[in-house]
C-alpha cells in the first residue's frame, strides 16, 4: 500500500464530511494523512482568527514533517491568515487555504474572481494578504444567512442535511453570478463546499477552484 505524502491539519469539528470534503479520505485517489489540531474550533479559527492557535498548528505540522510528509494543507480556508507564520517554521511546502489559488485564477481567467465563503463577515483583507492575493480583484459571497449550511458548518448546532445544503449552495451561486456577471472564475473558500460542486456547475460555466483542486495539484508536484 502506498504511503501518504500529504498531511491535512484538521479543525476540531463534529459534523459529517461526505465524499468531496477534504476531511473524507475517499475524496482522493491517493493516500492522505490526517491530524486534528486540538483547540482549533470553528469559532476560534473563523470568527476570532485567534493567533494563539499558530503554535498548535506549527507543532502538528512539524509532527507531519517527522512522519515523512512531503506537503501539508488544512481543512479550513480561513487559515490563510496564518500562511506565513506556519510556513516559515517548516521545511516542506505548506498550503494553508484554497485562497492560494486566487492569483492563478485571476491571471488565467483574465478578470475578477468570485470567492464563496462560509462567512463573509469573518473574511477580512488580512486573509487575502496572507496568501498574497490582495492585489487581485476579488468579489465575496458569504453563506452566513444560509441556515442549513451555517447551522451545520459554522455554528455546529444541527446535523448535516446534504439536500438542504446542496440547494443553498446552488441558490447562492446563481444569485452571485447573476449579480456579478463580471466574475471570470470562482473559488470555494470552505473545504466543506466541494461535495456540492456539481450543483454549482448547473448554474455556472465558470472555472471553479477549491480545496480538492488544490490537493490534487499538490499531489502532482510531489
Foldseek 3Di string as FASTA:
>chain_A
DDDAQEEEEEEDADADFDQQFPPDQVVDPDGYHYDYQPPRHLCCQQVPVPPVSLVSVLVVVVVSVVVNHQEYEYQALSQLLCLVVNVVSDDHYYHYWLLLCLVVQCVVLVFEEEEEEQAPVRDDLSSCVSNVNNVGHYDYFHCCPQCLSCCCPRVNPDYHDPVSVLVSLLVSLLVVCVVPVRHQAYEYGGSRPRVNVVSSCVRDVHHYTYPVNVVVVVVVVD
